[in-house]
Amino acid sequence: MVEAEKIIIRPVISEKSYAQIDHNRYTFEVHPDAHKTMIAQAVAQLFDVTVVNVATSHVPSKPKRRGWSRGRTPGWKKAVVQLREGDKIEFFEGR
């Protein structure tokens, strides 16, 4: 099994992700090759919670410009993890 720290890259901090915390859903950027079972095990191991559901999606890269320079942001993989009722991740609670 791959280390949990390498699967979960960072939490996604946005208005939408904070709105989902009330429904026990937490959003993370995850390793592009990680599948749902690996993500669920990593979250359970890192935060000592019970994972009920995992939804994943790929966030595509976007074109960006700064003056004459053109480029693209990197694409990444997002996972929305739903926890058992009563479980919560304290990292997100410091709003």
PDB file of N, CA and C in Angstrom:
ATOM      1  N   MET A   1       0.843  -1.186   0.000  1.00  0.00           N
ATOM      2  CA  MET A   1       0.000   0.000   0.000  1.00  0.00           C
ATOM      3  C   MET A   1       0.885   1.245   0.000  1.00  0.00           C
ATOM      4  N   VAL A   2       0.493   2.239  -0.749  1.00  0.00           N
ATOM      5  CA  VAL A   2       1.241   3.489  -0.839  1.00  0.00           C
ATOM      6  C   VAL A   2       0.976   4.310   0.412  1.00  0.00           C
ATOM      7  N   GLU A   3       1.933   5.123   0.791  1.00  0.00           N
ATOM      8  CA  GLU A   3       1.798   5.944   1.982  1.00  0.00           C
ATOM      9  C   GLU A   3       0.645   6.929   1.831  1.00  0.00           C
ATOM     10  N   ALA A   4      -0.099   7.127   2.914  1.00  0.00           N
ATOM     11  CA  ALA A   4      -1.279   7.995   2.887  1.00  0.00           C
ATOM     12  C   ALA A   4      -0.901   9.442   2.605  1.00  0.00           C
ATOM     13  N   GLU A   5       0.293   9.857   3.048  1.00  0.00           N
ATOM     14  CA  GLU A   5       0.727  11.236   2.834  1.00  0.00           C
ATOM     15  C   GLU A   5       0.968  11.534   1.357  1.00  0.00           C
ATOM     16  N   LYS A   6       1.262  10.499   0.569  1.00  0.00           N
ATOM     17  CA  LYS A   6       1.495  10.705  -0.863  1.00  0.00           C
ATOM     18  C   LYS A   6       0.192  10.677  -1.655  1.00  0.00           C
ATOM     19  N   ILE A   7      -0.850  10.071  -1.101  1.00  0.00           N
ATOM     20  CA  ILE A   7      -2.142  10.012  -1.789  1.00  0.00           C
ATOM     21  C   ILE A   7      -2.900  11.321  -1.610  1.00  0.00           C
ATOM     22  N   ILE A   8      -2.999  11.791  -0.380  1.00  0.00           N
ATOM     23  CA  ILE A   8      -3.696  13.044  -0.086  1.00  0.00           C
ATOM     24  C   ILE A   8      -2.672  14.168  -0.180  1.00  0.00           C
ATOM     25  N   ILE A   9      -2.819  15.032  -1.196  1.00  0.00           N
ATOM     26  CA  ILE A   9      -1.833  16.088  -1.416  1.00  0.00           C
ATOM     27  C   ILE A   9      -2.133  17.308  -0.552  1.00  0.00           C
ATOM     28  N   ARG A  10      -3.374  17.806  -0.630  1.00  0.00           N
ATOM     29  CA  ARG A  10      -3.734  18.972   0.167  1.00  0.00           C
ATOM     30  C   ARG A  10      -5.252  19.083   0.227  1.00  0.00           C
ATOM     31  N   PRO A  11      -5.788  19.766   1.245  1.00  0.00           N
ATOM     32  CA  PRO A  11      -7.226  20.028   1.258  1.00  0.00           C
ATOM     33  C   PRO A  11      -7.551  21.158   0.277  1.00  0.00           C
ATOM     34  N   VAL A  12      -8.739  21.129  -0.284  1.00  0.00           N
ATOM     35  CA  VAL A  12      -9.184  22.183  -1.186  1.00  0.00           C
ATOM     36  C   VAL A  12      -9.971  23.187  -0.355  1.00  0.00           C
ATOM     37  N   ILE A  13      -9.474  24.427  -0.317  1.00  0.00           N
ATOM     38  CA  ILE A  13     -10.109  25.482   0.461  1.00  0.00           C
ATOM     39  C   ILE A  13     -10.854  26.389  -0.503  1.00  0.00           C
ATOM     40  N   SER A  14     -12.173  26.276  -0.512  1.00  0.00           N
ATOM     41  CA  SER A  14     -12.988  27.124  -1.368  1.00  0.00           C
ATOM     42  C   SER A  14     -14.342  27.325  -0.706  1.00  0.00           C
ATOM     43  N   GLU A  15     -15.113  28.236  -1.252  1.00  0.00           N
ATOM     44  CA  GLU A  15     -16.437  28.504  -0.696  1.00  0.00           C
ATOM     45  C   GLU A  15     -17.332  27.266  -0.814  1.00  0.00           C
ATOM     46  N   LYS A  16     -17.241  26.590  -1.947  1.00  0.00           N
ATOM     47  CA  LYS A  16     -18.061  25.398  -2.165  1.00  0.00           C
ATOM     48  C   LYS A  16     -17.654  24.264  -1.233  1.00  0.00           C
ATOM     49  N   SER A  17     -16.342  24.074  -1.043  1.00  0.00           N
ATOM     50  CA  SER A  17     -15.905  22.982  -0.175  1.00  0.00           C
ATOM     51  C   SER A  17     -16.294  23.245   1.283  1.00  0.00           C
ATOM     52  N   TYR A  18     -16.269  24.495   1.711  1.00  0.00           N
ATOM     53  CA  TYR A  18     -16.696  24.810   3.076  1.00  0.00           C
ATOM     54  C   TYR A  18     -18.199  24.639   3.238  1.00  0.00           C
ATOM     55  N   ALA A  19     -18.989  24.878   2.195  1.00  0.00           N
ATOM     56  CA  ALA A  19     -20.436  24.668   2.273  1.00  0.00           C
ATOM     57  C   ALA A  19     -20.756  23.188   2.415  1.00  0.00           C
ATOM     58  N   GLN A  20     -19.924  22.317   1.871  1.00  0.00           N
ATOM     59  CA  GLN A  20     -20.173  20.876   1.950  1.00  0.00           C
ATOM     60  C   GLN A  20     -19.789  20.279   3.301  1.00  0.00           C
ATOM     61  N   ILE A  21     -19.032  21.003   4.109  1.00  0.00           N
ATOM     62  CA  ILE A  21     -18.629  20.481   5.419  1.00  0.00           C
ATOM     63  C   ILE A  21     -19.855  20.246   6.300  1.00  0.00           C
ATOM     64  N   ASP A  22     -20.902  21.060   6.128  1.00  0.00           N
ATOM     65  CA  ASP A  22     -22.122  20.880   6.913  1.00  0.00           C
ATOM     66  C   ASP A  22     -22.803  19.547   6.604  1.00  0.00           C
ATOM     67  N   HIS A  23     -22.520  18.962   5.448  1.00  0.00           N
ATOM     68  CA  HIS A  23     -23.077  17.670   5.057  1.00  0.00           C
ATOM     69  C   HIS A  23     -22.055  16.548   5.216  1.00  0.00           C
ATOM     70  N   ASN A  24     -21.015  16.775   6.019  1.00  0.00           N
ATOM     71  CA  ASN A  24     -19.939  15.799   6.290  1.00  0.00           C
ATOM     72  C   ASN A  24     -19.174  15.416   5.032  1.00  0.00           C
ATOM     73  N   ARG A  25     -18.984  16.349   4.096  1.00  0.00           N
ATOM     74  CA  ARG A  25     -18.195  16.100   2.894  1.00  0.00           C
ATOM     75  C   ARG A  25     -16.957  17.000   2.931  1.00  0.00           C
ATOM     76  N   TYR A  26     -15.805  16.402   2.684  1.00  0.00           N
ATOM     77  CA  TYR A  26     -14.536  17.121   2.693  1.00  0.00           C
ATOM     78  C   TYR A  26     -13.848  16.918   1.354  1.00  0.00           C
ATOM     79  N   THR A  27     -13.214  17.982   0.842  1.00  0.00           N
ATOM     80  CA  THR A  27     -12.620  17.956  -0.486  1.00  0.00           C
ATOM     81  C   THR A  27     -11.102  17.994  -0.387  1.00  0.00           C
ATOM     82  N   PHE A  28     -10.439  17.132  -1.179  1.00  0.00           N
ATOM     83  CA  PHE A  28      -8.982  17.044  -1.178  1.00  0.00           C
ATOM     84  C   PHE A  28      -8.460  16.987  -2.602  1.00  0.00           C
ATOM     85  N   GLU A  29      -7.250  17.504  -2.796  1.00  0.00           N
ATOM     86  CA  GLU A  29      -6.512  17.221  -4.021  1.00  0.00           C
ATOM     87  C   GLU A  29      -5.755  15.934  -3.761  1.00  0.00           C
ATOM     88  N   VAL A  30      -5.869  14.984  -4.699  1.00  0.00           N
ATOM     89  CA  VAL A  30      -5.267  13.675  -4.492  1.00  0.00           C
ATOM     90  C   VAL A  30      -4.323  13.337  -5.639  1.00  0.00           C
ATOM     91  N   HIS A  31      -3.525  12.305  -5.441  1.00  0.00           N
ATOM     92  CA  HIS A  31      -2.588  11.838  -6.462  1.00  0.00           C
ATOM     93  C   HIS A  31      -3.373  11.397  -7.693  1.00  0.00           C
ATOM     94  N   PRO A  32      -2.918  11.737  -8.896  1.00  0.00           N
ATOM     95  CA  PRO A  32      -3.683  11.412 -10.105  1.00  0.00           C
ATOM     96  C   PRO A  32      -3.903   9.923 -10.341  1.00  0.00           C
ATOM     97  N   ASP A  33      -3.057   9.064  -9.808  1.00  0.00           N
ATOM     98  CA  ASP A  33      -3.203   7.624 -10.019  1.00  0.00           C
ATOM     99  C   ASP A  33      -3.966   6.923  -8.893  1.00  0.00           C
ATOM    100  N   ALA A  34      -4.387   7.671  -7.877  1.00  0.00           N
ATOM    101  CA  ALA A  34      -5.086   7.066  -6.742  1.00  0.00           C
ATOM    102  C   ALA A  34      -6.527   6.740  -7.111  1.00  0.00           C
ATOM    103  N   HIS A  35      -7.002   5.558  -6.691  1.00  0.00           N
ATOM    104  CA  HIS A  35      -8.392   5.206  -6.920  1.00  0.00           C
ATOM    105  C   HIS A  35      -9.176   5.371  -5.620  1.00  0.00           C
ATOM    106  N   LYS A  36     -10.488   5.184  -5.699  1.00  0.00           N
ATOM    107  CA  LYS A  36     -11.372   5.500  -4.575  1.00  0.00           C
ATOM    108  C   LYS A  36     -11.047   4.711  -3.311  1.00  0.00           C
ATOM    109  N   THR A  37     -10.695   3.461  -3.444  1.00  0.00           N
ATOM    110  CA  THR A  37     -10.367   2.647  -2.276  1.00  0.00           C
ATOM    111  C   THR A  37      -9.110   3.166  -1.587  1.00  0.00           C
ATOM    112  N   MET A  38      -8.105   3.516  -2.376  1.00  0.00           N
ATOM    113  CA  MET A  38      -6.869   4.063  -1.804  1.00  0.00           C
ATOM    114  C   MET A  38      -7.140   5.381  -1.088  1.00  0.00           C
ATOM    115  N   ILE A  39      -7.981   6.229  -1.674  1.00  0.00           N
ATOM    116  CA  ILE A  39      -8.305   7.525  -1.078  1.00  0.00           C
ATOM    117  C   ILE A  39      -9.044   7.327   0.239  1.00  0.00           C
ATOM    118  N   ALA A  40     -10.014   6.425   0.261  1.00  0.00           N
ATOM    119  CA  ALA A  40     -10.777   6.160   1.486  1.00  0.00           C
ATOM    120  C   ALA A  40      -9.868   5.637   2.599  1.00  0.00           C
ATOM    121  N   GLN A  41      -8.966   4.727   2.269  1.00  0.00           N
ATOM    122  CA  GLN A  41      -8.046   4.190   3.272  1.00  0.00           C
ATOM    123  C   GLN A  41      -7.094   5.266   3.782  1.00  0.00           C
ATOM    124  N   ALA A  42      -6.624   6.140   2.896  1.00  0.00           N
ATOM    125  CA  ALA A  42      -5.688   7.192   3.301  1.00  0.00           C
ATOM    126  C   ALA A  42      -6.354   8.197   4.230  1.00  0.00           C
ATOM    127  N   VAL A  43      -7.585   8.605   3.914  1.00  0.00           N
ATOM    128  CA  VAL A  43      -8.295   9.559   4.772  1.00  0.00           C
ATOM    129  C   VAL A  43      -8.587   8.926   6.127  1.00  0.00           C
ATOM    130  N   ALA A  44      -9.005   7.670   6.135  1.00  0.00           N
ATOM    131  CA  ALA A  44      -9.281   6.983   7.396  1.00  0.00           C
ATOM    132  C   ALA A  44      -8.015   6.860   8.243  1.00  0.00           C
ATOM    133  N   GLN A  45      -6.889   6.593   7.606  1.00  0.00           N
ATOM    134  CA  GLN A  45      -5.627   6.438   8.331  1.00  0.00           C
ATOM    135  C   GLN A  45      -5.112   7.776   8.855  1.00  0.00           C
ATOM    136  N   LEU A  46      -5.178   8.826   8.029  1.00  0.00           N
ATOM    137  CA  LEU A  46      -4.627  10.125   8.429  1.00  0.00           C
ATOM    138  C   LEU A  46      -5.454  10.826   9.501  1.00  0.00           C
ATOM    139  N   PHE A  47      -6.790  10.754   9.383  1.00  0.00           N
ATOM    140  CA  PHE A  47      -7.645  11.557  10.252  1.00  0.00           C
ATOM    141  C   PHE A  47      -8.453  10.737  11.238  1.00  0.00           C
ATOM    142  N   ASP A  48      -8.290   9.408  11.258  1.00  0.00           N
ATOM    143  CA  ASP A  48      -8.970   8.513  12.194  1.00  0.00           C
ATOM    144  C   ASP A  48     -10.486   8.705  12.147  1.00  0.00           C
ATOM    145  N   VAL A  49     -11.055   8.598  10.936  1.00  0.00           N
ATOM    146  CA  VAL A  49     -12.492   8.727  10.713  1.00  0.00           C
ATOM    147  C   VAL A  49     -12.963   7.541   9.874  1.00  0.00           C
ATOM    148  N   THR A  50     -14.284   7.399   9.749  1.00  0.00           N
ATOM    149  CA  THR A  50     -14.865   6.349   8.915  1.00  0.00           C
ATOM    150  C   THR A  50     -15.415   6.973   7.644  1.00  0.00           C
ATOM    151  N   VAL A  51     -14.940   6.518   6.492  1.00  0.00           N
ATOM    152  CA  VAL A  51     -15.345   7.057   5.202  1.00  0.00           C
ATOM    153  C   VAL A  51     -16.540   6.260   4.687  1.00  0.00           C
ATOM    154  N   VAL A  52     -17.600   6.975   4.282  1.00  0.00           N
ATOM    155  CA  VAL A  52     -18.805   6.338   3.758  1.00  0.00           C
ATOM    156  C   VAL A  52     -18.780   6.302   2.238  1.00  0.00           C
ATOM    157  N   ASN A  53     -18.350   7.401   1.596  1.00  0.00           N
ATOM    158  CA  ASN A  53     -18.403   7.498   0.143  1.00  0.00           C
ATOM    159  C   ASN A  53     -17.248   8.367  -0.357  1.00  0.00           C
ATOM    160  N   VAL A  54     -16.767   8.065  -1.557  1.00  0.00           N
ATOM    161  CA  VAL A  54     -15.725   8.863  -2.208  1.00  0.00           C
ATOM    162  C   VAL A  54     -16.165   9.143  -3.634  1.00  0.00           C
ATOM    163  N   ALA A  55     -16.132  10.421  -4.018  1.00  0.00           N
ATOM    164  CA  ALA A  55     -16.419  10.820  -5.398  1.00  0.00           C
ATOM    165  C   ALA A  55     -15.176  11.508  -5.943  1.00  0.00           C
ATOM    166  N   THR A  56     -14.724  11.077  -7.116  1.00  0.00           N
ATOM    167  CA  THR A  56     -13.521  11.674  -7.697  1.00  0.00           C
ATOM    168  C   THR A  56     -13.853  12.332  -9.024  1.00  0.00           C
ATOM    169  N   SER A  57     -13.038  13.322  -9.376  1.00  0.00           N
ATOM    170  CA  SER A  57     -13.172  13.973 -10.683  1.00  0.00           C
ATOM    171  C   SER A  57     -11.826  14.575 -11.058  1.00  0.00           C
ATOM    172  N   HIS A  58     -11.633  14.741 -12.350  1.00  0.00           N
ATOM    173  CA  HIS A  58     -10.430  15.381 -12.854  1.00  0.00           C
ATOM    174  C   HIS A  58     -10.751  16.840 -13.146  1.00  0.00           C
ATOM    175  N   VAL A  59      -9.944  17.740 -12.610  1.00  0.00           N
ATOM    176  CA  VAL A  59     -10.105  19.166 -12.871  1.00  0.00           C
ATOM    177  C   VAL A  59      -9.188  19.497 -14.045  1.00  0.00           C
ATOM    178  N   PRO A  60      -9.746  19.935 -15.180  1.00  0.00           N
ATOM    179  CA  PRO A  60      -8.907  20.167 -16.358  1.00  0.00           C
ATOM    180  C   PRO A  60      -8.035  21.413 -16.203  1.00  0.00           C
ATOM    181  N   SER A  61      -6.978  21.484 -17.002  1.00  0.00           N
ATOM    182  CA  SER A  61      -6.129  22.661 -16.983  1.00  0.00           C
ATOM    183  C   SER A  61      -6.844  23.805 -17.680  1.00  0.00           C
ATOM    184  N   LYS A  62      -6.489  25.033 -17.305  1.00  0.00           N
ATOM    185  CA  LYS A  62      -7.134  26.210 -17.882  1.00  0.00           C
ATOM    186  C   LYS A  62      -6.085  27.083 -18.551  1.00  0.00           C
ATOM    187  N   PRO A  63      -6.442  27.724 -19.650  1.00  0.00           N
ATOM    188  CA  PRO A  63      -5.496  28.655 -20.269  1.00  0.00           C
ATOM    189  C   PRO A  63      -5.397  29.934 -19.440  1.00  0.00           C
ATOM    190  N   LYS A  64      -4.187  30.446 -19.299  1.00  0.00           N
ATOM    191  CA  LYS A  64      -3.942  31.679 -18.544  1.00  0.00           C
ATOM    192  C   LYS A  64      -3.026  32.579 -19.361  1.00  0.00           C
ATOM    193  N   ARG A  65      -3.133  33.876 -19.107  1.00  0.00           N
ATOM    194  CA  ARG A  65      -2.278  34.845 -19.783  1.00  0.00           C
ATOM    195  C   ARG A  65      -1.797  35.877 -18.787  1.00  0.00           C
ATOM    196  N   ARG A  66      -0.568  36.291 -18.964  1.00  0.00           N
ATOM    197  CA  ARG A  66      -0.022  37.382 -18.171  1.00  0.00           C
ATOM    198  C   ARG A  66       0.761  38.239 -19.153  1.00  0.00           C
ATOM    199  N   GLY A  67       0.150  39.314 -19.606  1.00  0.00           N
ATOM    200  CA  GLY A  67       0.767  40.117 -20.649  1.00  0.00           C
ATOM    201  C   GLY A  67       0.773  39.341 -21.944  1.00  0.00           C
ATOM    202  N   TRP A  68       1.952  39.260 -22.561  1.00  0.00           N
ATOM    203  CA  TRP A  68       2.081  38.514 -23.804  1.00  0.00           C
ATOM    204  C   TRP A  68       2.318  37.028 -23.577  1.00  0.00           C
ATOM    205  N   SER A  69       2.671  36.666 -22.371  1.00  0.00           N
ATOM    206  CA  SER A  69       2.969  35.257 -22.070  1.00  0.00           C
ATOM    207  C   SER A  69       1.688  34.452 -21.945  1.00  0.00           C
ATOM    208  N   ARG A  70       1.661  33.317 -22.605  1.00  0.00           N
ATOM    209  CA  ARG A  70       0.526  32.416 -22.507  1.00  0.00           C
ATOM    210  C   ARG A  70       0.991  31.104 -21.887  1.00  0.00           C
ATOM    211  N   GLY A  71       0.083  30.480 -21.177  1.00  0.00           N
ATOM    212  CA  GLY A  71       0.396  29.191 -20.577  1.00  0.00           C
ATOM    213  C   GLY A  71      -0.874  28.513 -20.112  1.00  0.00           C
ATOM    214  N   ARG A  72      -0.700  27.448 -19.381  1.00  0.00           N
ATOM    215  CA  ARG A  72      -1.835  26.707 -18.841  1.00  0.00           C
ATOM    216  C   ARG A  72      -1.548  26.337 -17.400  1.00  0.00           C
ATOM    217  N   THR A  73      -2.602  26.309 -16.595  1.00  0.00           N
ATOM    218  CA  THR A  73      -2.467  25.795 -15.245  1.00  0.00           C
ATOM    219  C   THR A  73      -2.439  24.273 -15.332  1.00  0.00           C
ATOM    220  N   PRO A  74      -1.815  23.607 -14.388  1.00  0.00           N
ATOM    221  CA  PRO A  74      -1.806  22.146 -14.444  1.00  0.00           C
ATOM    222  C   PRO A  74      -3.176  21.572 -14.076  1.00  0.00           C
ATOM    223  N   GLY A  75      -3.550  20.460 -14.681  1.00  0.00           N
ATOM    224  CA  GLY A  75      -4.754  19.742 -14.289  1.00  0.00           C
ATOM    225  C   GLY A  75      -4.472  18.935 -13.030  1.00  0.00           C
ATOM    226  N   TRP A  76      -5.523  18.577 -12.288  1.00  0.00           N
ATOM    227  CA  TRP A  76      -5.347  17.824 -11.060  1.00  0.00           C
ATOM    228  C   TRP A  76      -6.582  16.981 -10.775  1.00  0.00           C
ATOM    229  N   LYS A  77      -6.462  16.074  -9.818  1.00  0.00           N
ATOM    230  CA  LYS A  77      -7.559  15.177  -9.458  1.00  0.00           C
ATOM    231  C   LYS A  77      -8.120  15.593  -8.108  1.00  0.00           C
ATOM    232  N   LYS A  78      -9.445  15.634  -8.041  1.00  0.00           N
ATOM    233  CA  LYS A  78     -10.147  16.071  -6.838  1.00  0.00           C
ATOM    234  C   LYS A  78     -10.956  14.911  -6.288  1.00  0.00           C
ATOM    235  N   ALA A  79     -11.006  14.800  -4.961  1.00  0.00           N
ATOM    236  CA  ALA A  79     -11.819  13.775  -4.311  1.00  0.00           C
ATOM    237  C   ALA A  79     -12.685  14.433  -3.245  1.00  0.00           C
ATOM    238  N   VAL A  80     -13.977  14.131  -3.285  1.00  0.00           N
ATOM    239  CA  VAL A  80     -14.909  14.581  -2.253  1.00  0.00           C
ATOM    240  C   VAL A  80     -15.234  13.359  -1.400  1.00  0.00           C
ATOM    241  N   VAL A  81     -14.879  13.429  -0.119  1.00  0.00           N
ATOM    242  CA  VAL A  81     -14.996  12.294   0.791  1.00  0.00           C
ATOM    243  C   VAL A  81     -16.128  12.568   1.769  1.00  0.00           C
ATOM    244  N   GLN A  82     -17.087  11.633   1.845  1.00  0.00           N
ATOM    245  CA  GLN A  82     -18.171  11.773   2.814  1.00  0.00           C
ATOM    246  C   GLN A  82     -17.881  10.877   4.008  1.00  0.00           C
ATOM    247  N   LEU A  83     -18.016  11.461   5.203  1.00  0.00           N
ATOM    248  CA  LEU A  83     -17.721  10.740   6.433  1.00  0.00           C
ATOM    249  C   LEU A  83     -19.004  10.258   7.098  1.00  0.00           C
ATOM    250  N   ARG A  84     -18.842   9.308   8.012  1.00  0.00           N
ATOM    251  CA  ARG A  84     -19.961   8.797   8.797  1.00  0.00           C
ATOM    252  C   ARG A  84     -20.530   9.926   9.663  1.00  0.00           C
ATOM    253  N   GLU A  85     -21.815   9.872   9.928  1.00  0.00           N
ATOM    254  CA  GLU A  85     -22.473  10.876  10.764  1.00  0.00           C
ATOM    255  C   GLU A  85     -21.791  10.925  12.130  1.00  0.00           C
ATOM    256  N   GLY A  86     -21.432  12.095  12.561  1.00  0.00           N
ATOM    257  CA  GLY A  86     -20.750  12.266  13.843  1.00  0.00           C
ATOM    258  C   GLY A  86     -19.243  12.414  13.718  1.00  0.00           C
ATOM    259  N   ASP A  87     -18.642  11.925  12.650  1.00  0.00           N
ATOM    260  CA  ASP A  87     -17.209  12.096  12.419  1.00  0.00           C
ATOM    261  C   ASP A  87     -16.955  13.451  11.788  1.00  0.00           C
ATOM    262  N   LYS A  88     -15.811  14.040  12.100  1.00  0.00           N
ATOM    263  CA  LYS A  88     -15.409  15.278  11.442  1.00  0.00           C
ATOM    264  C   LYS A  88     -13.902  15.391  11.464  1.00  0.00           C
ATOM    265  N   ILE A  89     -13.390  16.204  10.558  1.00  0.00           N
ATOM    266  CA  ILE A  89     -11.950  16.445  10.466  1.00  0.00           C
ATOM    267  C   ILE A  89     -11.690  17.822  11.052  1.00  0.00           C
ATOM    268  N   GLU A  90     -10.933  17.871  12.123  1.00  0.00           N
ATOM    269  CA  GLU A  90     -10.722  19.122  12.860  1.00  0.00           C
ATOM    270  C   GLU A  90      -9.954  20.155  12.029  1.00  0.00           C
ATOM    271  N   PHE A  91      -9.170  19.699  11.049  1.00  0.00           N
ATOM    272  CA  PHE A  91      -8.370  20.612  10.252  1.00  0.00           C
ATOM    273  C   PHE A  91      -9.244  21.646   9.560  1.00  0.00           C
ATOM    274  N   PHE A  92     -10.442  21.260   9.127  1.00  0.00           N
ATOM    275  CA  PHE A  92     -11.330  22.144   8.395  1.00  0.00           C
ATOM    276  C   PHE A  92     -12.184  23.014   9.304  1.00  0.00           C
ATOM    277  N   GLU A  93     -12.261  22.681  10.561  1.00  0.00           N
ATOM    278  CA  GLU A  93     -13.229  23.341  11.455  1.00  0.00           C
ATOM    279  C   GLU A  93     -12.777  24.734  11.899  1.00  0.00           C
ATOM    280  N   GLY A  94     -11.546  25.115  11.642  1.00  0.00           N
ATOM    281  CA  GLY A  94     -11.049  26.416  12.095  1.00  0.00           C
ATOM    282  C   GLY A  94     -11.411  27.530  11.139  1.00  0.00           C
ATOM    283  N   ARG A  95     -12.675  27.646  10.797  1.00  0.00           N
ATOM    284  CA  ARG A  95     -13.118  28.653   9.834  1.00  0.00           C
ATOM    285  C   ARG A  95     -13.052  30.025  10.397  1.00  0.00           C
TER     286      ARG A  95
END
